[in-house]
Amino acid sequence: MRGNFAALVLILVGAAFLVSNLGWLNFSMLEVLRVWWPVVLIVLGVAMFLMPRDKFDNSDKR
C-alpha cells in the first residue's frame, strides 16, 4: 500500500475535480484548496515518515 499512496491521492483528487466539473456536487474546488492546503503538507510529511528509509537514502552503501 505504501508504494501506491501517491497514485491513490491522484485518483481521489482527480475524481473530486471531475465530480465538481460535472456538477454532481455543488462545491468550489478552489475554495476547498484555499482552506485545506496545509493538509497536503501534513499528508506528505506523514507519508515520508512511514516510507522505508532506503527510498530516501541516496548514499552508496558499498
N, C-alpha and C. Protein backbone atom coordinates (compact mmCIF):
# COMPACT_ATOMS: atom_id res chain seq x y z
N MET A 1 0.82 -1.20 0.00
CA MET A 1 0.00 0.00 0.00
C MET A 1 0.86 1.25 0.00
N ARG A 2 2.02 1.19 0.63
CA ARG A 2 2.85 2.39 0.72
C ARG A 2 3.29 2.90 -0.65
N GLY A 3 3.60 1.98 -1.56
CA GLY A 3 4.06 2.39 -2.88
C GLY A 3 2.95 2.99 -3.73
N ASN A 4 1.73 2.69 -3.41
CA ASN A 4 0.60 3.17 -4.19
C ASN A 4 -0.04 4.41 -3.59
N PHE A 5 0.55 4.99 -2.58
CA PHE A 5 -0.04 6.13 -1.89
C PHE A 5 -0.23 7.32 -2.82
N ALA A 6 0.80 7.67 -3.58
CA ALA A 6 0.71 8.82 -4.49
C ALA A 6 -0.34 8.57 -5.58
N ALA A 7 -0.40 7.35 -6.09
CA ALA A 7 -1.39 7.03 -7.11
C ALA A 7 -2.80 7.17 -6.55
N LEU A 8 -3.00 6.71 -5.33
CA LEU A 8 -4.33 6.80 -4.71
C LEU A 8 -4.72 8.26 -4.49
N VAL A 9 -3.79 9.08 -4.06
CA VAL A 9 -4.08 10.51 -3.86
C VAL A 9 -4.44 11.17 -5.19
N LEU A 10 -3.70 10.87 -6.25
CA LEU A 10 -4.01 11.45 -7.56
C LEU A 10 -5.38 11.02 -8.06
N ILE A 11 -5.73 9.76 -7.84
CA ILE A 11 -7.05 9.28 -8.26
C ILE A 11 -8.15 10.01 -7.50
N LEU A 12 -7.99 10.17 -6.20
CA LEU A 12 -9.01 10.84 -5.39
C LEU A 12 -9.15 12.32 -5.76
N VAL A 13 -8.03 12.99 -5.97
CA VAL A 13 -8.08 14.41 -6.35
C VAL A 13 -8.71 14.56 -7.73
N GLY A 14 -8.34 13.69 -8.66
CA GLY A 14 -8.93 13.73 -10.00
C GLY A 14 -10.42 13.48 -9.96
N ALA A 15 -10.85 12.51 -9.15
CA ALA A 15 -12.28 12.21 -9.03
C ALA A 15 -13.03 13.39 -8.43
N ALA A 16 -12.43 14.06 -7.45
CA ALA A 16 -13.08 15.23 -6.85
C ALA A 16 -13.24 16.35 -7.87
N PHE A 17 -12.21 16.60 -8.68
CA PHE A 17 -12.32 17.62 -9.72
C PHE A 17 -13.38 17.24 -10.75
N LEU A 18 -13.42 15.96 -11.14
CA LEU A 18 -14.41 15.51 -12.12
C LEU A 18 -15.84 15.67 -11.60
N VAL A 19 -16.07 15.27 -10.36
CA VAL A 19 -17.40 15.40 -9.76
C VAL A 19 -17.81 16.87 -9.69
N SER A 20 -16.87 17.72 -9.35
CA SER A 20 -17.17 19.16 -9.28
C SER A 20 -17.47 19.72 -10.67
N ASN A 21 -16.68 19.35 -11.67
CA ASN A 21 -16.88 19.86 -13.03
C ASN A 21 -18.18 19.36 -13.65
N LEU A 22 -18.59 18.14 -13.31
CA LEU A 22 -19.84 17.60 -13.85
C LEU A 22 -21.07 18.16 -13.14
N GLY A 23 -20.86 18.85 -12.04
CA GLY A 23 -21.96 19.46 -11.31
C GLY A 23 -22.73 18.49 -10.43
N TRP A 24 -22.17 17.33 -10.17
CA TRP A 24 -22.84 16.34 -9.32
C TRP A 24 -22.87 16.80 -7.87
N LEU A 25 -21.84 17.51 -7.45
CA LEU A 25 -21.80 18.12 -6.13
C LEU A 25 -21.52 19.60 -6.32
N ASN A 26 -22.16 20.40 -5.53
CA ASN A 26 -22.02 21.84 -5.69
C ASN A 26 -21.02 22.37 -4.66
N PHE A 27 -19.75 22.37 -5.03
CA PHE A 27 -18.72 22.96 -4.19
C PHE A 27 -17.60 23.48 -5.08
N SER A 28 -16.88 24.44 -4.58
CA SER A 28 -15.80 25.05 -5.33
C SER A 28 -14.47 24.41 -4.95
N MET A 29 -13.82 23.79 -5.92
CA MET A 29 -12.53 23.15 -5.64
C MET A 29 -11.49 24.20 -5.21
N LEU A 30 -11.56 25.39 -5.78
CA LEU A 30 -10.61 26.43 -5.38
C LEU A 30 -10.80 26.83 -3.92
N GLU A 31 -12.05 26.89 -3.48
CA GLU A 31 -12.32 27.22 -2.07
C GLU A 31 -11.81 26.10 -1.16
N VAL A 32 -12.02 24.87 -1.57
CA VAL A 32 -11.54 23.73 -0.78
C VAL A 32 -10.01 23.77 -0.68
N LEU A 33 -9.34 24.01 -1.81
CA LEU A 33 -7.88 24.08 -1.80
C LEU A 33 -7.36 25.26 -0.98
N ARG A 34 -8.08 26.39 -1.06
CA ARG A 34 -7.65 27.58 -0.31
C ARG A 34 -7.67 27.34 1.18
N VAL A 35 -8.65 26.58 1.65
CA VAL A 35 -8.81 26.34 3.07
C VAL A 35 -7.96 25.17 3.55
N TRP A 36 -7.91 24.10 2.77
CA TRP A 36 -7.33 22.84 3.24
C TRP A 36 -5.92 22.55 2.71
N TRP A 37 -5.21 23.51 2.08
CA TRP A 37 -3.89 23.23 1.53
C TRP A 37 -2.88 22.75 2.56
N PRO A 38 -2.94 23.16 3.83
CA PRO A 38 -1.96 22.64 4.79
C PRO A 38 -2.06 21.13 5.00
N VAL A 39 -3.22 20.56 4.75
CA VAL A 39 -3.39 19.11 4.90
C VAL A 39 -2.48 18.37 3.92
N VAL A 40 -2.25 18.95 2.75
CA VAL A 40 -1.36 18.33 1.77
C VAL A 40 0.05 18.20 2.36
N LEU A 41 0.51 19.24 3.02
CA LEU A 41 1.84 19.20 3.63
C LEU A 41 1.91 18.16 4.74
N ILE A 42 0.87 18.08 5.54
CA ILE A 42 0.82 17.11 6.63
C ILE A 42 0.82 15.69 6.08
N VAL A 43 0.02 15.43 5.07
CA VAL A 43 -0.06 14.10 4.49
C VAL A 43 1.27 13.71 3.85
N LEU A 44 1.91 14.63 3.16
CA LEU A 44 3.22 14.34 2.57
C LEU A 44 4.25 14.02 3.66
N GLY A 45 4.23 14.78 4.73
CA GLY A 45 5.16 14.53 5.83
C GLY A 45 4.94 13.17 6.48
N VAL A 46 3.69 12.82 6.70
CA VAL A 46 3.37 11.51 7.29
C VAL A 46 3.77 10.39 6.33
N ALA A 47 3.52 10.57 5.04
CA ALA A 47 3.90 9.56 4.05
C ALA A 47 5.41 9.37 4.02
N MET A 48 6.17 10.46 4.08
CA MET A 48 7.63 10.36 4.09
C MET A 48 8.11 9.68 5.37
N PHE A 49 7.44 9.95 6.47
CA PHE A 49 7.81 9.33 7.74
C PHE A 49 7.57 7.83 7.72
N LEU A 50 6.51 7.40 7.07
CA LEU A 50 6.15 5.98 7.06
C LEU A 50 6.85 5.17 5.97
N MET A 51 7.43 5.85 4.98
CA MET A 51 8.13 5.14 3.91
C MET A 51 9.40 4.49 4.46
N PRO A 52 9.80 3.38 3.86
CA PRO A 52 11.08 2.78 4.27
C PRO A 52 12.23 3.75 4.05
N ARG A 53 13.19 3.73 4.93
CA ARG A 53 14.30 4.68 4.91
C ARG A 53 15.11 4.60 3.62
N ASP A 54 15.27 3.42 3.04
CA ASP A 54 16.11 3.28 1.86
C ASP A 54 15.54 3.98 0.63
N LYS A 55 14.27 4.34 0.62
CA LYS A 55 13.71 5.07 -0.52
C LYS A 55 14.25 6.50 -0.59
N PHE A 56 14.62 7.08 0.55
CA PHE A 56 15.09 8.45 0.59
C PHE A 56 16.60 8.55 0.77
N ASP A 57 17.27 7.45 1.00
CA ASP A 57 18.70 7.45 1.23
C ASP A 57 19.42 7.19 -0.08
N ASN A 58 20.09 8.20 -0.63
CA ASN A 58 20.77 8.07 -1.92
C ASN A 58 22.25 7.77 -1.77
N SER A 59 22.75 7.59 -0.58
CA SER A 59 24.17 7.34 -0.40
C SER A 59 24.51 5.91 -0.79
N ASP A 60 25.73 5.73 -1.26
CA ASP A 60 26.19 4.39 -1.64
C ASP A 60 26.56 3.62 -0.40
N LYS A 61 26.08 2.38 -0.32
CA LYS A 61 26.36 1.53 0.85
C LYS A 61 27.25 0.37 0.42
N ARG A 62 28.29 0.63 -0.32
CA ARG A 62 29.20 -0.42 -0.80
C ARG A 62 30.24 -0.75 0.19
